[in-house]
């Protein structure tokens, strides 16, 4: 059984891949470059991912509390075609219920964001989809 520090490192590496590399994720987390993440999850990490750092990452990426401490199959990144179908249905249902008919580009973006969230959390987050829909409505792209 691996330690919580090893689990956090595996999950942070998956997030680095999910976000397109250490520089991109570093910016999302409020750092100017990827060197800090390299210290935490690079090929030869020199620092452990503390409780405080793990919770900060979860907050900044809107992950559930404790997500960094849990094992996720394939880093939480692999969903099957059925899961994608379910995300598309969930987005369509939320949009229908809100009385919105976004253009295809906006709809595609909503599905992509909801799918990315599902890959991170391992579940379809209807509340997240509703928040995205509210943003789409507010931007005038619905």
N, C-alpha and C. Protein backbone atom coordinates (compact mmCIF):
# COMPACT_ATOMS: atom_id res chain seq x y z
N UNK A 1 0.85 -1.19 0.00
CA UNK A 1 0.00 0.00 0.00
C UNK A 1 0.89 1.24 0.00
N UNK A 2 0.55 2.20 -0.86
CA UNK A 2 1.37 3.39 -0.94
C UNK A 2 0.95 4.42 0.10
N UNK A 3 1.88 5.29 0.44
CA UNK A 3 1.60 6.33 1.43
C UNK A 3 0.72 7.42 0.81
N UNK A 4 0.15 8.25 1.67
CA UNK A 4 -0.68 9.36 1.19
C UNK A 4 0.16 10.31 0.33
N UNK A 5 1.45 10.43 0.65
CA UNK A 5 2.33 11.30 -0.14
C UNK A 5 2.53 10.75 -1.55
N UNK A 6 2.67 9.44 -1.64
CA UNK A 6 2.80 8.82 -2.96
C UNK A 6 1.50 8.96 -3.76
N UNK A 7 0.37 8.78 -3.09
CA UNK A 7 -0.93 8.93 -3.75
C UNK A 7 -1.10 10.35 -4.26
N UNK A 8 -0.75 11.33 -3.43
CA UNK A 8 -0.85 12.73 -3.86
C UNK A 8 0.05 13.00 -5.06
N UNK A 9 1.23 12.41 -5.04
CA UNK A 9 2.17 12.62 -6.16
C UNK A 9 1.61 12.03 -7.46
N UNK A 10 1.06 10.83 -7.37
CA UNK A 10 0.44 10.20 -8.55
C UNK A 10 -0.69 11.08 -9.07
N UNK A 11 -1.52 11.58 -8.17
CA UNK A 11 -2.65 12.41 -8.58
C UNK A 11 -2.19 13.75 -9.15
N UNK A 12 -1.14 14.33 -8.56
CA UNK A 12 -0.63 15.59 -9.10
C UNK A 12 -0.04 15.39 -10.49
N UNK A 13 0.63 14.28 -10.69
CA UNK A 13 1.16 13.98 -12.03
C UNK A 13 0.02 13.84 -13.05
N UNK A 14 -1.08 13.21 -12.63
CA UNK A 14 -2.24 13.08 -13.52
C UNK A 14 -2.82 14.46 -13.83
N UNK A 15 -2.87 15.32 -12.82
CA UNK A 15 -3.38 16.68 -13.05
C UNK A 15 -2.47 17.47 -13.99
N UNK A 16 -1.16 17.29 -13.84
CA UNK A 16 -0.21 17.96 -14.73
C UNK A 16 -0.51 17.54 -16.17
N UNK A 17 -0.73 16.26 -16.39
CA UNK A 17 -1.07 15.77 -17.74
C UNK A 17 -2.41 16.33 -18.20
N UNK A 18 -3.38 16.32 -17.31
CA UNK A 18 -4.73 16.81 -17.62
C UNK A 18 -4.71 18.28 -18.05
N UNK A 19 -3.88 19.07 -17.40
CA UNK A 19 -3.84 20.51 -17.64
C UNK A 19 -2.82 20.91 -18.70
N UNK A 20 -2.21 19.95 -19.37
CA UNK A 20 -1.31 20.28 -20.48
C UNK A 20 0.11 20.59 -20.08
N UNK A 21 0.54 20.12 -18.93
CA UNK A 21 1.92 20.29 -18.52
C UNK A 21 2.06 21.12 -17.26
N UNK A 22 3.28 21.11 -16.69
CA UNK A 22 3.49 21.79 -15.41
C UNK A 22 3.33 23.30 -15.48
N UNK A 23 3.70 23.91 -16.59
CA UNK A 23 3.58 25.37 -16.67
C UNK A 23 2.13 25.79 -16.67
N UNK A 24 1.31 25.11 -17.46
CA UNK A 24 -0.11 25.43 -17.54
C UNK A 24 -0.80 25.23 -16.18
N UNK A 25 -0.53 24.09 -15.54
CA UNK A 25 -1.14 23.84 -14.24
C UNK A 25 -0.61 24.81 -13.20
N UNK A 26 0.67 25.13 -13.25
CA UNK A 26 1.24 26.09 -12.30
C UNK A 26 0.52 27.42 -12.37
N UNK A 27 0.27 27.89 -13.58
CA UNK A 27 -0.45 29.16 -13.73
C UNK A 27 -1.84 29.07 -13.13
N UNK A 28 -2.53 27.95 -13.37
CA UNK A 28 -3.87 27.76 -12.82
C UNK A 28 -3.83 27.78 -11.29
N UNK A 29 -2.72 27.30 -10.73
CA UNK A 29 -2.58 27.25 -9.28
C UNK A 29 -2.00 28.54 -8.69
N UNK A 30 -1.69 29.50 -9.56
CA UNK A 30 -1.20 30.80 -9.08
C UNK A 30 0.31 30.92 -8.99
N UNK A 31 1.05 30.04 -9.63
CA UNK A 31 2.51 30.12 -9.64
C UNK A 31 2.98 30.63 -11.00
N UNK A 32 4.13 31.27 -11.03
CA UNK A 32 4.60 31.88 -12.28
C UNK A 32 5.22 30.88 -13.25
N UNK A 33 5.73 29.76 -12.74
CA UNK A 33 6.32 28.75 -13.64
C UNK A 33 6.16 27.36 -13.02
N UNK A 34 6.64 26.36 -13.74
CA UNK A 34 6.43 24.98 -13.33
C UNK A 34 7.46 24.42 -12.36
N UNK A 35 8.41 25.23 -11.90
CA UNK A 35 9.47 24.66 -11.06
C UNK A 35 8.95 24.11 -9.73
N UNK A 36 7.98 24.79 -9.14
CA UNK A 36 7.41 24.31 -7.88
C UNK A 36 6.76 22.94 -8.06
N UNK A 37 6.00 22.79 -9.16
CA UNK A 37 5.37 21.49 -9.41
C UNK A 37 6.41 20.42 -9.69
N UNK A 38 7.50 20.80 -10.33
CA UNK A 38 8.58 19.84 -10.58
C UNK A 38 9.16 19.34 -9.26
N UNK A 39 9.25 20.23 -8.28
CA UNK A 39 9.74 19.82 -6.95
C UNK A 39 8.79 18.84 -6.29
N UNK A 40 7.50 18.97 -6.59
CA UNK A 40 6.49 18.11 -5.97
C UNK A 40 6.25 16.82 -6.73
N UNK A 41 6.28 16.89 -8.08
CA UNK A 41 5.84 15.73 -8.86
C UNK A 41 6.70 15.46 -10.09
N UNK A 42 7.86 16.07 -10.18
CA UNK A 42 8.73 15.84 -11.31
C UNK A 42 9.37 14.46 -11.26
N UNK A 43 10.25 14.17 -12.21
CA UNK A 43 10.89 12.85 -12.25
C UNK A 43 11.67 12.51 -10.97
N UNK A 44 12.28 13.51 -10.37
CA UNK A 44 13.00 13.34 -9.10
C UNK A 44 12.51 14.39 -8.11
N UNK A 45 11.32 14.20 -7.56
CA UNK A 45 10.74 15.21 -6.66
C UNK A 45 11.59 15.40 -5.42
N UNK A 46 11.68 16.65 -4.98
CA UNK A 46 12.47 16.96 -3.80
C UNK A 46 11.62 17.37 -2.60
N UNK A 47 10.32 17.46 -2.79
CA UNK A 47 9.41 17.87 -1.71
C UNK A 47 8.19 16.95 -1.68
N UNK A 48 7.66 16.76 -0.49
CA UNK A 48 6.40 16.02 -0.33
C UNK A 48 5.24 16.99 -0.54
N UNK A 49 4.10 16.47 -0.91
CA UNK A 49 2.89 17.28 -1.04
C UNK A 49 2.17 17.24 0.30
N UNK A 50 2.27 18.34 1.02
CA UNK A 50 1.71 18.41 2.38
C UNK A 50 0.19 18.46 2.34
N UNK A 51 -0.40 18.28 3.50
CA UNK A 51 -1.86 18.39 3.66
C UNK A 51 -2.33 19.76 3.15
N UNK A 52 -1.64 20.80 3.58
CA UNK A 52 -2.02 22.17 3.19
C UNK A 52 -1.96 22.35 1.68
N UNK A 53 -0.89 21.90 1.05
CA UNK A 53 -0.74 22.04 -0.40
C UNK A 53 -1.80 21.22 -1.13
N UNK A 54 -2.08 20.01 -0.66
CA UNK A 54 -3.10 19.17 -1.29
C UNK A 54 -4.46 19.85 -1.26
N UNK A 55 -4.83 20.42 -0.11
CA UNK A 55 -6.13 21.09 0.01
C UNK A 55 -6.18 22.35 -0.88
N UNK A 56 -5.06 23.08 -0.97
CA UNK A 56 -5.02 24.28 -1.83
C UNK A 56 -5.23 23.90 -3.29
N UNK A 57 -4.60 22.81 -3.71
CA UNK A 57 -4.78 22.35 -5.09
C UNK A 57 -6.24 22.00 -5.34
N UNK A 58 -6.85 21.29 -4.40
CA UNK A 58 -8.26 20.91 -4.55
C UNK A 58 -9.16 22.13 -4.65
N UNK A 59 -8.92 23.13 -3.82
CA UNK A 59 -9.74 24.34 -3.85
C UNK A 59 -9.57 25.07 -5.18
N UNK A 60 -8.34 25.25 -5.60
CA UNK A 60 -8.08 26.01 -6.82
C UNK A 60 -8.57 25.31 -8.08
N UNK A 61 -8.66 23.98 -8.05
CA UNK A 61 -9.14 23.22 -9.21
C UNK A 61 -10.59 22.77 -9.03
N UNK A 62 -11.23 23.24 -7.98
CA UNK A 62 -12.61 22.87 -7.62
C UNK A 62 -12.81 21.35 -7.58
N UNK A 63 -11.87 20.68 -6.96
CA UNK A 63 -11.97 19.24 -6.74
C UNK A 63 -12.58 19.00 -5.36
N UNK A 64 -13.22 17.86 -5.16
CA UNK A 64 -13.76 17.55 -3.84
C UNK A 64 -12.64 17.48 -2.80
N UNK A 65 -12.94 17.91 -1.58
CA UNK A 65 -11.96 17.85 -0.50
C UNK A 65 -11.53 16.40 -0.31
N UNK A 66 -10.24 16.16 -0.26
CA UNK A 66 -9.70 14.82 -0.08
C UNK A 66 -9.39 14.11 -1.39
N UNK A 67 -9.71 14.73 -2.52
CA UNK A 67 -9.48 14.10 -3.83
C UNK A 67 -8.02 13.73 -4.01
N UNK A 68 -7.12 14.60 -3.60
CA UNK A 68 -5.69 14.34 -3.76
C UNK A 68 -5.22 13.14 -2.97
N UNK A 69 -5.93 12.76 -1.92
CA UNK A 69 -5.52 11.67 -1.03
C UNK A 69 -6.08 10.31 -1.45
N UNK A 70 -6.88 10.28 -2.49
CA UNK A 70 -7.55 9.03 -2.89
C UNK A 70 -6.95 8.49 -4.19
N UNK A 71 -6.97 7.17 -4.30
CA UNK A 71 -6.56 6.53 -5.55
C UNK A 71 -7.64 6.77 -6.59
N UNK A 72 -7.21 7.06 -7.81
CA UNK A 72 -8.14 7.24 -8.92
C UNK A 72 -7.65 6.36 -10.07
N UNK A 73 -8.51 5.49 -10.58
CA UNK A 73 -8.08 4.63 -11.68
C UNK A 73 -7.51 5.46 -12.83
N UNK A 74 -6.33 5.09 -13.29
CA UNK A 74 -5.66 5.80 -14.39
C UNK A 74 -5.56 7.28 -14.11
N UNK A 75 -5.31 7.65 -12.87
CA UNK A 75 -5.18 9.06 -12.54
C UNK A 75 -6.50 9.81 -12.67
N UNK A 76 -7.62 9.10 -12.72
CA UNK A 76 -8.90 9.76 -12.83
C UNK A 76 -9.17 10.30 -14.22
N UNK A 77 -8.38 9.90 -15.21
CA UNK A 77 -8.49 10.53 -16.52
C UNK A 77 -9.25 9.72 -17.55
N UNK A 78 -9.38 8.44 -17.36
CA UNK A 78 -9.98 7.61 -18.40
C UNK A 78 -11.46 7.41 -18.15
N UNK A 79 -12.26 7.89 -19.06
CA UNK A 79 -13.68 7.59 -19.05
C UNK A 79 -14.01 6.92 -20.37
N UNK A 80 -15.02 6.11 -20.36
CA UNK A 80 -15.35 5.40 -21.59
C UNK A 80 -16.36 6.19 -22.42
N UNK A 81 -16.70 5.64 -23.59
CA UNK A 81 -17.64 6.31 -24.48
C UNK A 81 -18.99 6.50 -23.82
N UNK A 82 -19.41 5.55 -23.00
CA UNK A 82 -20.69 5.66 -22.31
C UNK A 82 -20.69 6.88 -21.38
N UNK A 83 -19.58 7.13 -20.71
CA UNK A 83 -19.50 8.29 -19.83
C UNK A 83 -19.62 9.59 -20.62
N UNK A 84 -18.98 9.64 -21.77
CA UNK A 84 -19.10 10.84 -22.61
C UNK A 84 -20.56 11.03 -23.04
N UNK A 85 -21.21 9.95 -23.40
CA UNK A 85 -22.62 10.02 -23.78
C UNK A 85 -23.45 10.58 -22.63
N UNK A 86 -23.18 10.11 -21.42
CA UNK A 86 -23.92 10.58 -20.25
C UNK A 86 -23.67 12.06 -19.98
N UNK A 87 -22.44 12.53 -20.21
CA UNK A 87 -22.13 13.96 -20.03
C UNK A 87 -22.92 14.78 -21.04
N UNK A 88 -22.93 14.35 -22.30
CA UNK A 88 -23.68 15.07 -23.34
C UNK A 88 -25.16 15.14 -22.95
N UNK A 89 -25.72 14.04 -22.50
CA UNK A 89 -27.13 14.02 -22.09
C UNK A 89 -27.36 14.97 -20.92
N UNK A 90 -26.46 14.96 -19.94
CA UNK A 90 -26.62 15.81 -18.76
C UNK A 90 -26.58 17.29 -19.15
N UNK A 91 -25.65 17.66 -20.02
CA UNK A 91 -25.57 19.05 -20.47
C UNK A 91 -26.84 19.43 -21.23
N UNK A 92 -27.29 18.56 -22.13
CA UNK A 92 -28.50 18.84 -22.91
C UNK A 92 -29.71 19.00 -21.99
N UNK A 93 -29.82 18.17 -20.96
CA UNK A 93 -30.94 18.25 -20.03
C UNK A 93 -30.93 19.55 -19.25
N UNK A 94 -29.77 19.93 -18.73
CA UNK A 94 -29.66 21.18 -17.97
C UNK A 94 -30.00 22.37 -18.86
N UNK A 95 -29.49 22.37 -20.09
CA UNK A 95 -29.79 23.47 -21.01
C UNK A 95 -31.29 23.53 -21.34
N UNK A 96 -31.89 22.37 -21.59
CA UNK A 96 -33.33 22.32 -21.88
C UNK A 96 -34.13 22.85 -20.70
N UNK A 97 -33.79 22.40 -19.50
CA UNK A 97 -34.51 22.83 -18.30
C UNK A 97 -34.36 24.33 -18.06
N UNK A 98 -33.23 24.89 -18.49
CA UNK A 98 -32.99 26.33 -18.33
C UNK A 98 -33.58 27.14 -19.49
N UNK A 99 -34.12 26.44 -20.50
CA UNK A 99 -34.69 27.13 -21.65
C UNK A 99 -33.65 27.76 -22.55
N UNK A 100 -32.47 27.17 -22.61
CA UNK A 100 -31.38 27.73 -23.41
C UNK A 100 -31.11 26.88 -24.63
N UNK A 101 -30.70 27.55 -25.71
CA UNK A 101 -30.31 26.87 -26.94
C UNK A 101 -29.02 27.52 -27.43
N UNK A 102 -27.89 27.14 -26.85
CA UNK A 102 -26.63 27.78 -27.23
C UNK A 102 -26.21 27.39 -28.65
N UNK A 103 -25.35 28.22 -29.23
CA UNK A 103 -24.79 27.89 -30.54
C UNK A 103 -23.91 26.65 -30.38
N UNK A 104 -23.62 25.95 -31.50
CA UNK A 104 -22.83 24.71 -31.41
C UNK A 104 -21.47 24.88 -30.73
N UNK A 105 -20.80 25.99 -30.94
CA UNK A 105 -19.49 26.19 -30.32
C UNK A 105 -19.62 26.27 -28.79
N UNK A 106 -20.60 27.03 -28.32
CA UNK A 106 -20.82 27.15 -26.88
C UNK A 106 -21.23 25.80 -26.28
N UNK A 107 -22.12 25.09 -26.98
CA UNK A 107 -22.55 23.76 -26.51
C UNK A 107 -21.34 22.83 -26.41
N UNK A 108 -20.49 22.83 -27.42
CA UNK A 108 -19.29 22.00 -27.41
C UNK A 108 -18.38 22.33 -26.25
N UNK A 109 -18.23 23.62 -25.97
CA UNK A 109 -17.39 24.05 -24.84
C UNK A 109 -17.98 23.59 -23.52
N UNK A 110 -19.30 23.70 -23.36
CA UNK A 110 -19.95 23.25 -22.13
C UNK A 110 -19.74 21.74 -21.93
N UNK A 111 -19.89 20.97 -23.00
CA UNK A 111 -19.69 19.52 -22.91
C UNK A 111 -18.24 19.22 -22.54
N UNK A 112 -17.30 19.90 -23.19
CA UNK A 112 -15.88 19.65 -22.91
C UNK A 112 -15.54 19.95 -21.46
N UNK A 113 -16.02 21.07 -20.94
CA UNK A 113 -15.74 21.43 -19.54
C UNK A 113 -16.38 20.43 -18.58
N UNK A 114 -17.60 20.01 -18.88
CA UNK A 114 -18.27 19.03 -18.02
C UNK A 114 -17.57 17.68 -18.08
N UNK A 115 -17.09 17.31 -19.25
CA UNK A 115 -16.37 16.04 -19.41
C UNK A 115 -15.03 16.08 -18.69
N UNK A 116 -14.31 17.21 -18.81
CA UNK A 116 -13.04 17.35 -18.09
C UNK A 116 -13.26 17.23 -16.59
N UNK A 117 -14.34 17.84 -16.10
CA UNK A 117 -14.67 17.75 -14.68
C UNK A 117 -14.96 16.29 -14.29
N UNK A 118 -15.69 15.59 -15.14
CA UNK A 118 -16.01 14.19 -14.86
C UNK A 118 -14.75 13.34 -14.83
N UNK A 119 -13.80 13.63 -15.70
CA UNK A 119 -12.53 12.89 -15.69
C UNK A 119 -11.79 13.12 -14.39
N UNK A 120 -11.84 14.34 -13.89
CA UNK A 120 -11.14 14.65 -12.64
C UNK A 120 -11.79 14.02 -11.42
N UNK A 121 -13.11 14.05 -11.39
CA UNK A 121 -13.82 13.61 -10.19
C UNK A 121 -14.34 12.19 -10.28
N UNK A 122 -14.41 11.64 -11.50
CA UNK A 122 -14.93 10.29 -11.66
C UNK A 122 -16.44 10.22 -11.66
N UNK A 123 -17.12 11.37 -11.77
CA UNK A 123 -18.58 11.38 -11.79
C UNK A 123 -19.07 12.60 -12.56
N UNK A 124 -20.30 12.54 -13.02
CA UNK A 124 -20.91 13.67 -13.70
C UNK A 124 -21.45 14.61 -12.64
N UNK A 125 -21.01 15.85 -12.67
CA UNK A 125 -21.34 16.84 -11.65
C UNK A 125 -22.41 17.79 -12.19
N UNK A 126 -23.67 17.49 -11.91
CA UNK A 126 -24.77 18.29 -12.44
C UNK A 126 -24.74 19.73 -11.92
N UNK A 127 -24.32 19.92 -10.67
CA UNK A 127 -24.23 21.28 -10.13
C UNK A 127 -23.20 22.11 -10.89
N UNK A 128 -22.10 21.49 -11.25
CA UNK A 128 -21.07 22.16 -12.05
C UNK A 128 -21.64 22.54 -13.42
N UNK A 129 -22.39 21.64 -14.03
CA UNK A 129 -23.00 21.92 -15.33
C UNK A 129 -23.98 23.09 -15.21
N UNK A 130 -24.75 23.13 -14.13
CA UNK A 130 -25.68 24.25 -13.92
C UNK A 130 -24.92 25.57 -13.78
N UNK A 131 -23.79 25.55 -13.10
CA UNK A 131 -22.98 26.77 -12.97
C UNK A 131 -22.45 27.21 -14.33
N UNK A 132 -22.01 26.26 -15.12
CA UNK A 132 -21.52 26.58 -16.48
C UNK A 132 -22.65 27.18 -17.31
N UNK A 133 -23.84 26.63 -17.18
CA UNK A 133 -24.99 27.12 -17.91
C UNK A 133 -25.31 28.56 -17.52
N UNK A 134 -25.21 28.84 -16.23
CA UNK A 134 -25.44 30.20 -15.75
C UNK A 134 -24.42 31.15 -16.37
N UNK A 135 -23.19 30.72 -16.46
CA UNK A 135 -22.16 31.54 -17.11
C UNK A 135 -22.47 31.76 -18.59
N UNK A 136 -22.90 30.69 -19.26
CA UNK A 136 -23.24 30.81 -20.68
C UNK A 136 -24.40 31.79 -20.88
N UNK A 137 -25.37 31.72 -20.00
CA UNK A 137 -26.51 32.63 -20.09
C UNK A 137 -26.05 34.07 -19.89
N UNK A 138 -25.20 34.29 -18.89
CA UNK A 138 -24.71 35.63 -18.58
C UNK A 138 -23.82 36.21 -19.67
N UNK A 139 -23.19 35.36 -20.47
CA UNK A 139 -22.29 35.87 -21.51
C UNK A 139 -23.03 36.22 -22.79
N UNK A 140 -24.34 35.92 -22.82
CA UNK A 140 -25.13 36.22 -24.01
C UNK A 140 -24.92 35.21 -25.13
N UNK A 141 -24.32 34.06 -24.82
CA UNK A 141 -24.04 33.04 -25.84
C UNK A 141 -24.99 31.88 -25.70
N UNK A 142 -26.21 32.13 -25.32
CA UNK A 142 -27.16 31.03 -25.18
C UNK A 142 -28.36 31.25 -26.06
